[in-house]
Amino acid sequence: MTGLAVVVGASGALGSAITARLAAAGVEVLAVARKAPPDGPGVTGHAADVGTDAGAAAIAAAVGGRPVRMVVQAVGLPATGPLETIDPDALGQVVALKVGGLLRLVRAVDAELGEGSRIVALGGHFGSEPAPYACAAGVVNAALANLVRQLATAYGPRGVTAHLVAPGPADTPRLRGLAAQAAERRGTTVEEVLAERAAESPLGRLVTPDEVGWAVATLLAPQAAALHGATLALDVGARHGLF
């Protein structure tokens, strides 16, 4: 399978799982984070901040004109607090990082995207299931869904498809850190908060990073073009809405 995959946010739990799955599929991966991830078989680490124009230029230089098979925006969100305490300015900051970062990433490699290339954004369950305890995640992931649809319209005529992958709460160090903060506010235990998140699923469990990596790697298949512009929900049944 030819072409380069650019994964931004590759040092996080989800980004590293995506990187590993893509490399295992035989795709050369440019793994991008603010601090360069380690190199590995089929993986080259690169330091860049997609939240800045300079970071996007650095990604473009690292790609070096090679054909791009897939770009993945997998940058994680900083802790911002629940609805009752979140700084309103933080909403704009996370949208700039995730949504603006996706647009910068796509523009950085625009000339290298061709027939069969994939644009992938990692969103989340709370974009369609708003929850006050995940205020910023809900706002930014809803915005991501809108931008992915716009990218689908703009890039579809070139044979480039756009996709939103939306996991439910995933078993990551970040989730455990947020659970610890919630437990402290509420005077309960981390285990109880995590159990509440798991109980949102009829399966009674969280999503794993490897499941997210599997879903993104699956989008490499030619048949995945049928998912153009759609949201791929990985919420182990936690979503209540029909659409």
Protein backbone atom coordinates (compact mmCIF):
# COMPACT_ATOMS: atom_id res chain seq x y z
CA MET A 1 0.00 0.00 0.00
CA THR A 2 1.64 3.22 -1.14
CA GLY A 3 1.45 6.71 0.29
CA LEU A 4 2.24 8.39 3.56
CA ALA A 5 -0.04 8.69 6.59
CA VAL A 6 0.32 11.81 8.72
CA VAL A 7 -0.95 11.34 12.27
CA VAL A 8 -1.08 14.47 14.43
CA GLY A 9 -1.35 13.87 18.16
CA ALA A 10 0.63 10.66 17.72
CA SER A 11 2.07 10.65 21.24
CA GLY A 12 -1.33 10.29 22.94
CA ALA A 13 -2.95 6.98 23.78
CA LEU A 14 -5.32 7.09 20.81
CA GLY A 15 -2.82 8.64 18.41
CA SER A 16 -0.17 6.05 19.23
CA ALA A 17 -2.68 3.21 18.74
CA ILE A 18 -3.66 4.67 15.36
CA THR A 19 0.01 5.01 14.39
CA ALA A 20 0.70 1.39 15.33
CA ARG A 21 -2.27 0.09 13.33
CA LEU A 22 -1.39 2.10 10.22
CA ALA A 23 2.25 1.00 10.36
CA ALA A 24 1.13 -2.62 10.76
CA ALA A 25 -0.99 -2.17 7.63
CA GLY A 26 2.17 -1.34 5.70
CA VAL A 27 1.70 2.43 5.50
CA GLU A 28 4.64 4.70 6.19
CA VAL A 29 3.63 7.00 9.07
CA LEU A 30 4.78 10.51 9.89
CA ALA A 31 3.96 10.66 13.61
CA VAL A 32 3.55 14.27 14.72
CA ALA A 33 3.31 15.76 18.20
CA ARG A 34 4.63 18.82 20.00
CA LYS A 35 7.49 16.61 21.20
CA ALA A 36 8.60 14.21 18.48
CA PRO A 37 7.42 10.64 19.13
CA PRO A 38 10.11 7.95 18.85
CA ASP A 39 10.89 6.45 15.48
CA GLY A 40 9.96 2.84 14.88
CA PRO A 41 9.44 0.34 12.06
CA GLY A 42 7.64 2.33 9.38
CA VAL A 43 7.24 5.32 11.71
CA THR A 44 9.12 8.63 11.69
CA GLY A 45 8.58 10.97 14.63
CA HIS A 46 8.35 14.69 13.98
CA ALA A 47 7.86 17.67 16.31
CA ALA A 48 5.25 20.22 15.22
CA ASP A 49 2.30 22.08 16.75
CA VAL A 50 -0.70 21.88 14.44
CA GLY A 51 -2.29 24.66 16.47
CA THR A 52 0.04 27.15 14.74
CA ASP A 53 0.73 28.13 11.16
CA ALA A 54 4.43 27.44 11.76
CA GLY A 55 3.57 23.91 12.85
CA ALA A 56 1.57 23.34 9.68
CA ALA A 57 4.51 24.58 7.60
CA ALA A 58 6.80 22.17 9.45
CA ILE A 59 4.47 19.28 8.62
CA ALA A 60 4.41 20.29 4.95
CA ALA A 61 8.21 20.36 4.91
CA ALA A 62 8.42 16.92 6.54
CA VAL A 63 6.01 15.46 3.99
CA GLY A 64 8.30 16.83 1.30
CA GLY A 65 5.91 16.42 -1.61
CA ARG A 66 5.31 12.69 -1.07
CA PRO A 67 1.82 11.40 -1.88
CA VAL A 68 -0.36 11.40 1.25
CA ARG A 69 -2.65 8.41 1.72
CA MET A 70 -4.24 9.61 4.95
CA VAL A 71 -4.13 12.50 7.41
CA VAL A 72 -5.42 12.02 10.94
CA GLN A 73 -6.16 14.82 13.40
CA ALA A 74 -5.94 13.02 16.76
CA VAL A 75 -4.82 15.83 19.04
CA GLY A 76 -6.22 15.43 22.55
CA LEU A 77 -7.98 18.21 24.44
CA PRO A 78 -6.53 19.85 27.53
CA ALA A 79 -8.50 19.56 30.76
CA THR A 80 -11.01 22.43 30.84
CA GLY A 81 -13.53 21.49 33.51
CA PRO A 82 -17.30 20.96 33.50
CA LEU A 83 -19.95 23.43 32.36
CA GLU A 84 -20.32 25.07 35.76
CA THR A 85 -16.64 26.03 36.04
CA ILE A 86 -15.19 26.12 32.52
CA ASP A 87 -13.58 29.37 31.41
CA PRO A 88 -15.66 30.56 28.42
CA ASP A 89 -12.46 31.49 26.60
CA ALA A 90 -11.38 27.85 26.82
CA LEU A 91 -14.11 26.89 24.36
CA GLY A 92 -12.55 29.04 21.67
CA GLN A 93 -9.10 27.68 22.47
CA VAL A 94 -10.08 24.02 22.08
CA VAL A 95 -11.97 24.73 18.86
CA ALA A 96 -8.89 26.52 17.52
CA LEU A 97 -6.71 23.55 18.43
CA LYS A 98 -8.86 20.70 17.14
CA VAL A 99 -10.95 22.28 14.38
CA GLY A 100 -8.48 24.92 13.25
CA GLY A 101 -5.74 22.31 13.54
CA LEU A 102 -7.59 19.96 11.19
CA LEU A 103 -7.93 22.71 8.61
CA ARG A 104 -4.23 23.59 8.93
CA LEU A 105 -3.28 19.94 8.52
CA VAL A 106 -5.37 19.51 5.39
CA ARG A 107 -4.03 22.70 3.86
CA ALA A 108 -0.45 21.67 4.66
CA VAL A 109 -0.75 18.55 2.50
CA ASP A 110 -3.41 19.69 0.04
CA ALA A 111 -1.22 19.28 -3.04
CA GLU A 112 -0.27 15.74 -1.98
CA LEU A 113 -3.85 14.49 -1.57
CA GLY A 114 -5.16 12.48 -4.50
CA GLU A 115 -7.69 9.89 -5.56
CA GLY A 116 -8.32 7.55 -2.63
CA SER A 117 -6.72 9.76 0.02
CA ARG A 118 -8.46 9.98 3.39
CA ILE A 119 -9.00 12.94 5.71
CA VAL A 120 -9.78 11.65 9.20
CA ALA A 121 -10.68 13.61 12.31
CA LEU A 122 -10.89 12.00 15.73
CA GLY A 123 -13.98 13.42 17.40
CA GLY A 124 -16.03 11.87 20.15
CA HIS A 125 -19.30 10.68 21.59
CA PHE A 126 -20.11 13.97 23.31
CA GLY A 127 -20.46 15.81 20.01
CA SER A 128 -23.84 14.11 19.57
CA GLU A 129 -24.60 13.30 23.23
CA PRO A 130 -24.05 16.62 25.07
CA ALA A 131 -23.07 16.24 28.72
CA PRO A 132 -22.30 19.15 31.10
CA TYR A 133 -19.38 17.26 32.63
CA ALA A 134 -17.72 17.18 29.17
CA CYS A 135 -18.56 20.70 28.00
CA ALA A 136 -15.54 21.41 25.80
CA ALA A 137 -15.49 17.94 24.27
CA GLY A 138 -19.14 18.30 23.24
CA VAL A 139 -18.66 21.71 21.66
CA VAL A 140 -15.46 20.92 19.77
CA ASN A 141 -16.61 17.51 18.53
CA ALA A 142 -19.87 18.96 17.20
CA ALA A 143 -17.81 21.59 15.37
CA LEU A 144 -15.51 18.88 13.98
CA ALA A 145 -18.50 17.02 12.56
CA ASN A 146 -19.57 20.16 10.72
CA LEU A 147 -16.09 20.80 9.31
CA VAL A 148 -15.72 17.19 8.18
CA ARG A 149 -18.96 17.55 6.19
CA GLN A 150 -17.63 20.73 4.60
CA LEU A 151 -14.35 19.00 3.72
CA ALA A 152 -16.33 16.10 2.25
CA THR A 153 -18.15 18.49 -0.06
CA ALA A 154 -15.00 20.36 -1.04
CA TYR A 155 -12.65 17.40 -1.57
CA GLY A 156 -15.07 14.76 -2.83
CA PRO A 157 -14.79 15.84 -6.48
CA ARG A 158 -11.05 15.08 -6.25
CA GLY A 159 -11.71 11.55 -5.01
CA VAL A 160 -10.53 12.47 -1.50
CA THR A 161 -12.85 11.30 1.27
CA ALA A 162 -13.39 12.83 4.71
CA HIS A 163 -14.37 10.93 7.84
CA LEU A 164 -15.13 11.60 11.49
CA VAL A 165 -14.31 8.80 13.95
CA ALA A 166 -16.21 9.35 17.19
CA PRO A 167 -15.24 7.09 20.09
CA GLY A 168 -17.19 6.93 23.30
CA PRO A 169 -15.27 7.43 26.54
CA ALA A 170 -12.00 5.58 25.93
CA ASP A 171 -9.84 3.87 28.52
CA THR A 172 -6.88 6.24 28.39
CA PRO A 173 -4.63 8.02 30.90
CA ARG A 174 -6.44 11.26 29.98
CA LEU A 175 -9.84 9.83 30.92
CA ARG A 176 -8.43 8.55 34.19
CA GLY A 177 -7.00 11.98 34.92
CA LEU A 178 -10.36 13.62 34.25
CA ALA A 179 -12.03 10.99 36.43
CA ALA A 180 -9.63 11.86 39.23
CA GLN A 181 -10.57 15.54 38.97
CA ALA A 182 -14.28 14.70 38.97
CA ALA A 183 -13.85 12.39 41.93
CA GLU A 184 -12.14 15.13 43.90
CA ARG A 185 -14.89 17.65 43.12
CA ARG A 186 -17.63 15.22 44.08
CA GLY A 187 -15.96 13.61 47.04
CA THR A 188 -16.03 10.12 45.54
CA THR A 189 -13.52 7.67 44.07
CA VAL A 190 -11.92 7.47 40.66
CA GLU A 191 -13.22 3.93 40.31
CA GLU A 192 -16.80 5.09 40.85
CA VAL A 193 -16.50 7.81 38.21
CA LEU A 194 -14.99 5.37 35.70
CA ALA A 195 -17.75 2.88 36.47
CA GLU A 196 -20.32 5.57 35.68
CA ARG A 197 -18.70 6.21 32.31
CA ALA A 198 -18.60 2.48 31.55
CA ALA A 199 -22.24 2.11 32.60
CA GLU A 200 -23.27 4.52 29.82
CA SER A 201 -22.70 1.59 27.45
CA PRO A 202 -25.09 -1.39 27.36
CA LEU A 203 -21.90 -3.49 27.28
CA GLY A 204 -20.80 -1.88 30.53
CA ARG A 205 -17.31 -1.02 29.33
CA LEU A 206 -15.12 1.66 27.83
CA VAL A 207 -13.71 1.83 24.32
CA THR A 208 -10.07 0.73 23.99
CA PRO A 209 -7.38 2.67 22.10
CA ASP A 210 -6.73 -0.37 19.90
CA GLU A 211 -10.37 -0.39 18.79
CA VAL A 212 -9.98 3.22 17.70
CA GLY A 213 -6.78 2.36 15.85
CA TRP A 214 -8.54 -0.53 14.11
CA ALA A 215 -11.36 1.74 12.94
CA VAL A 216 -9.01 4.33 11.47
CA ALA A 217 -6.90 1.71 9.71
CA THR A 218 -10.07 0.19 8.25
CA LEU A 219 -10.68 3.47 6.41
CA LEU A 220 -7.67 2.64 4.22
CA ALA A 221 -9.80 0.07 2.38
CA PRO A 222 -11.17 1.19 -1.02
CA GLN A 223 -14.66 0.25 0.17
CA ALA A 224 -14.43 2.91 2.91
CA ALA A 225 -15.19 5.53 0.26
CA ALA A 226 -18.85 4.69 0.95
CA LEU A 227 -18.38 6.29 4.40
CA HIS A 228 -17.46 9.64 2.85
CA GLY A 229 -18.63 12.52 5.05
CA ALA A 230 -20.04 10.21 7.71
CA THR A 231 -19.40 9.81 11.41
CA LEU A 232 -18.17 6.39 12.48
CA ALA A 233 -19.47 5.97 16.04
CA LEU A 234 -17.35 3.79 18.34
CA ASP A 235 -19.36 4.25 21.51
CA VAL A 236 -20.12 0.60 22.47
CA GLY A 237 -23.82 1.45 22.28
CA ALA A 238 -23.77 4.50 24.55
CA ARG A 239 -25.32 6.87 22.02
CA HIS A 240 -29.07 7.35 22.49
CA GLY A 241 -29.93 9.42 19.43
CA LEU A 242 -30.93 7.88 16.12
CA PHE A 243 -28.85 10.25 13.99
